[in-house]
C-alpha atoms as a PDB file:
ATOM      1  CA  MET A   1     -35.287  30.040  17.921  1.00  0.00           C
ATOM      2  CA  SER A   2     -35.526  31.343  14.418  1.00  0.00           C
ATOM      3  CA  THR A   3     -34.647  29.416  11.294  1.00  0.00           C
ATOM      4  CA  ALA A   4     -31.532  31.559  10.750  1.00  0.00           C
ATOM      5  CA  GLN A   5     -30.195  30.641  14.169  1.00  0.00           C
ATOM      6  CA  GLN A   6     -30.879  26.970  13.529  1.00  0.00           C
ATOM      7  CA  VAL A   7     -28.967  27.140  10.255  1.00  0.00           C
ATOM      8  CA  GLU A   8     -25.973  28.735  11.991  1.00  0.00           C
ATOM      9  CA  GLN A   9     -25.926  25.971  14.567  1.00  0.00           C
ATOM     10  CA  VAL A  10     -25.554  23.272  11.950  1.00  0.00           C
ATOM     11  CA  VAL A  11     -22.377  21.417  12.621  1.00  0.00           C
ATOM     12  CA  THR A  12     -19.880  22.154   9.934  1.00  0.00           C
ATOM     13  CA  ARG A  13     -17.266  19.549   9.326  1.00  0.00           C
ATOM     14  CA  ARG A  14     -13.806  20.479   8.339  1.00  0.00           C
ATOM     15  CA  PRO A  15     -12.705  18.819   5.175  1.00  0.00           C
ATOM     16  CA  ARG A  16     -10.327  15.968   5.797  1.00  0.00           C
ATOM     17  CA  ARG A  17      -6.739  16.757   4.964  1.00  0.00           C
ATOM     18  CA  ARG A  18      -5.381  14.238   2.512  1.00  0.00           C
ATOM     19  CA  PRO A  19      -1.694  13.924   1.725  1.00  0.00           C
ATOM     20  CA  SER A  20      -0.828  15.525  -1.577  1.00  0.00           C
ATOM     21  CA  ARG A  21      -0.289  13.434  -4.679  1.00  0.00           C
ATOM     22  CA  ALA A  22       3.314  14.594  -4.835  1.00  0.00           C
ATOM     23  CA  LEU A  23       3.945  13.383  -1.269  1.00  0.00           C
ATOM     24  CA  ILE A  24       2.342  10.027  -2.066  1.00  0.00           C
ATOM     25  CA  LEU A  25       4.420   9.764  -5.231  1.00  0.00           C
ATOM     26  CA  ILE A  26       7.669  10.523  -3.407  1.00  0.00           C
ATOM     27  CA  ALA A  27       6.881   8.098  -0.586  1.00  0.00           C
ATOM     28  CA  GLY A  28       5.810   5.282  -2.885  1.00  0.00           C
ATOM     29  CA  VAL A  29       8.502   5.686  -5.528  1.00  0.00           C
ATOM     30  CA  VAL A  30      11.521   6.687  -3.440  1.00  0.00           C
ATOM     31  CA  LEU A  31      11.144   6.187   0.294  1.00  0.00           C
ATOM     32  CA  ILE A  32       9.458   2.784   0.549  1.00  0.00           C
ATOM     33  CA  PRO A  33      11.661   1.009  -2.060  1.00  0.00           C
ATOM     34  CA  PHE A  34      14.768   2.557  -0.483  1.00  0.00           C
ATOM     35  CA  ALA A  35      13.686   1.434   2.993  1.00  0.00           C
ATOM     36  CA  LEU A  36      13.000  -2.113   1.756  1.00  0.00           C
ATOM     37  CA  ALA A  37      16.403  -2.262   0.082  1.00  0.00           C
ATOM     38  CA  LEU A  38      18.146  -1.044   3.246  1.00  0.00           C
ATOM     39  CA  ILE A  39      16.313  -3.460   5.505  1.00  0.00           C
ATOM     40  CA  PHE A  40      16.865  -6.574   3.433  1.00  0.00           C
ATOM     41  CA  THR A  41      20.397  -5.938   2.129  1.00  0.00           C
ATOM     42  CA  SER A  42      23.001  -8.400   3.362  1.00  0.00           C
ATOM     43  CA  TYR A  43      25.852  -6.519   4.997  1.00  0.00           C
ATOM     44  CA  HIS A  44      27.933  -9.642   5.494  1.00  0.00           C
ATOM     45  CA  THR A  45      28.974 -12.532   3.261  1.00  0.00           C
ATOM     46  CA  VAL A  46      26.333 -13.159   0.630  1.00  0.00           C
ATOM     47  CA  THR A  47      24.579 -16.498   0.928  1.00  0.00           C
ATOM     48  CA  GLU A  48      21.902 -17.987  -1.305  1.00  0.00           C
ATOM     49  CA  GLU A  49      19.249 -17.029   1.211  1.00  0.00           C
ATOM     50  CA  SER A  50      20.423 -13.430   1.539  1.00  0.00           C
ATOM     51  CA  ALA A  51      20.696 -13.030  -2.254  1.00  0.00           C
ATOM     52  CA  VAL A  52      17.118 -14.238  -2.749  1.00  0.00           C
ATOM     53  CA  ARG A  53      15.875 -12.082   0.144  1.00  0.00           C
ATOM     54  CA  GLN A  54      17.549  -9.025  -1.325  1.00  0.00           C
ATOM     55  CA  ALA A  55      16.172  -9.685  -4.804  1.00  0.00           C
ATOM     56  CA  PHE A  56      12.641 -10.143  -3.502  1.00  0.00           C
ATOM     57  CA  ALA A  57      12.902  -6.894  -1.516  1.00  0.00           C
ATOM     58  CA  LEU A  58      13.985  -5.032  -4.656  1.00  0.00           C
ATOM     59  CA  VAL A  59      11.135  -6.599  -6.640  1.00  0.00           C
ATOM     60  CA  ALA A  60       8.641  -5.662  -3.923  1.00  0.00           C
ATOM     61  CA  GLY A  61       9.966  -2.085  -3.840  1.00  0.00           C
ATOM     62  CA  GLN A  62       9.725  -1.655  -7.599  1.00  0.00           C
ATOM     63  CA  THR A  63       6.216  -3.172  -7.625  1.00  0.00           C
ATOM     64  CA  ILE A  64       5.148  -0.674  -4.981  1.00  0.00           C
ATOM     65  CA  ALA A  65       6.693   2.125  -7.032  1.00  0.00           C
ATOM     66  CA  MET A  66       4.770   1.115 -10.172  1.00  0.00           C
ATOM     67  CA  LEU A  67       1.470   0.728  -8.308  1.00  0.00           C
ATOM     68  CA  THR A  68       1.941   4.089  -6.593  1.00  0.00           C
ATOM     69  CA  ALA A  69       2.529   5.833  -9.925  1.00  0.00           C
ATOM     70  CA  ILE A  70      -0.578   4.218 -11.415  1.00  0.00           C
ATOM     71  CA  ALA A  71      -2.624   5.097  -8.313  1.00  0.00           C
ATOM     72  CA  VAL A  72      -1.588   8.769  -8.518  1.00  0.00           C
ATOM     73  CA  VAL A  73      -2.686   8.895 -12.163  1.00  0.00           C
ATOM     74  CA  ILE A  74      -6.039   7.335 -11.233  1.00  0.00           C
ATOM     75  CA  VAL A  75      -6.555   9.762  -8.327  1.00  0.00           C
ATOM     76  CA  THR A  76      -5.728  12.685 -10.614  1.00  0.00           C
ATOM     77  CA  ALA A  77      -8.280  11.495 -13.170  1.00  0.00           C
ATOM     78  CA  VAL A  78     -10.976  10.841 -10.551  1.00  0.00           C
ATOM     79  CA  GLU A  79     -10.470  14.331  -9.113  1.00  0.00           C
ATOM     80  CA  ARG A  80     -10.871  15.630 -12.700  1.00  0.00           C
ATOM     81  CA  ARG A  81      -7.678  17.618 -12.723  1.00  0.00           C
ATOM     82  CA  TRP A  82      -7.318  17.448 -16.463  1.00  0.00           C
ATOM     83  CA  ARG A  83      -4.492  19.986 -16.718  1.00  0.00           C
ATOM     84  CA  GLU A  84      -2.277  17.980 -14.349  1.00  0.00           C
ATOM     85  CA  LEU A  85      -3.126  14.576 -15.768  1.00  0.00           C
ATOM     86  CA  PRO A  86      -0.574  14.582 -18.637  1.00  0.00           C
ATOM     87  CA  LEU A  87       2.226  15.441 -16.199  1.00  0.00           C
ATOM     88  CA  PHE A  88       1.365  12.525 -13.913  1.00  0.00           C
ATOM     89  CA  VAL A  89       0.967  10.176 -16.880  1.00  0.00           C
ATOM     90  CA  VAL A  90       4.471  11.075 -18.054  1.00  0.00           C
ATOM     91  CA  ILE A  91       5.833  10.611 -14.530  1.00  0.00           C
ATOM     92  CA  ALA A  92       4.066   7.237 -14.238  1.00  0.00           C
ATOM     93  CA  ALA A  93       5.482   6.125 -17.611  1.00  0.00           C
ATOM     94  CA  ALA A  94       8.986   7.119 -16.491  1.00  0.00           C
ATOM     95  CA  VAL A  95       8.603   5.314 -13.165  1.00  0.00           C
ATOM     96  CA  ILE A  96       7.248   2.160 -14.825  1.00  0.00           C
ATOM     97  CA  SER A  97       9.976   2.035 -17.471  1.00  0.00           C
ATOM     98  CA  SER A  98      12.647   2.595 -14.826  1.00  0.00           C
ATOM     99  CA  ALA A  99      11.139  -0.062 -12.577  1.00  0.00           C
ATOM    100  CA  VAL A 100      11.020  -2.626 -15.383  1.00  0.00           C
ATOM    101  CA  GLY A 101      14.678  -1.956 -16.131  1.00  0.00           C
ATOM    102  CA  SER A 102      15.490  -2.304 -12.467  1.00  0.00           C
ATOM    103  CA  LEU A 103      13.590  -5.605 -12.281  1.00  0.00           C
ATOM    104  CA  THR A 104      15.611  -6.911 -15.219  1.00  0.00           C
ATOM    105  CA  ARG A 105      18.876  -5.899 -13.607  1.00  0.00           C
ATOM    106  CA  THR A 106      17.763  -7.465 -10.322  1.00  0.00           C
ATOM    107  CA  GLY A 107      17.080 -10.797 -12.018  1.00  0.00           C
ATOM    108  CA  GLU A 108      20.482 -10.731 -13.736  1.00  0.00           C
ATOM    109  CA  GLN A 109      22.173  -9.788 -10.472  1.00  0.00           C
ATOM    110  CA  LEU A 110      20.438 -12.622  -8.621  1.00  0.00           C
ATOM    111  CA  LEU A 111      21.605 -15.133 -11.220  1.00  0.00           C
ATOM    112  CA  GLN A 112      25.134 -13.816 -10.970  1.00  0.00           C
ATOM    113  CA  LEU A 113      25.135 -13.912  -7.149  1.00  0.00           C
ATOM    114  CA  LEU A 114      23.724 -17.436  -7.090  1.00  0.00           C
ATOM    115  CA  SER A 115      26.323 -18.663  -9.570  1.00  0.00           C
ATOM    116  CA  THR A 116      29.178 -17.258  -7.467  1.00  0.00           C
ATOM    117  CA  VAL A 117      27.778 -18.555  -4.189  1.00  0.00           C
ATOM    118  CA  ALA A 118      27.063 -22.115  -5.362  1.00  0.00           C
END
């Protein structure tokens, strides 16, 4: 067997397909927080327990959204996609500012719900 034939027989691996950054961003910023909110929302009379459970689910969802946005920026930088980096930084800044506002509203809503329940 010649060297050329040996080279052709080298096992070539297909590159692993990774989900795109846009798909990760949509899943982490929209789908997961929405699913958490749906799962832990009280559909009956609000009790102290259900109000706290709902607030913690919203906080968890917004935390996941912020971490996802930061992770996408880091992945973009590691892959050295310098032209796309400013876009993802702006998106991450928008997601983080929106999440912080949502966390503030969630805290106020929890206080209001607890004052009406008690």
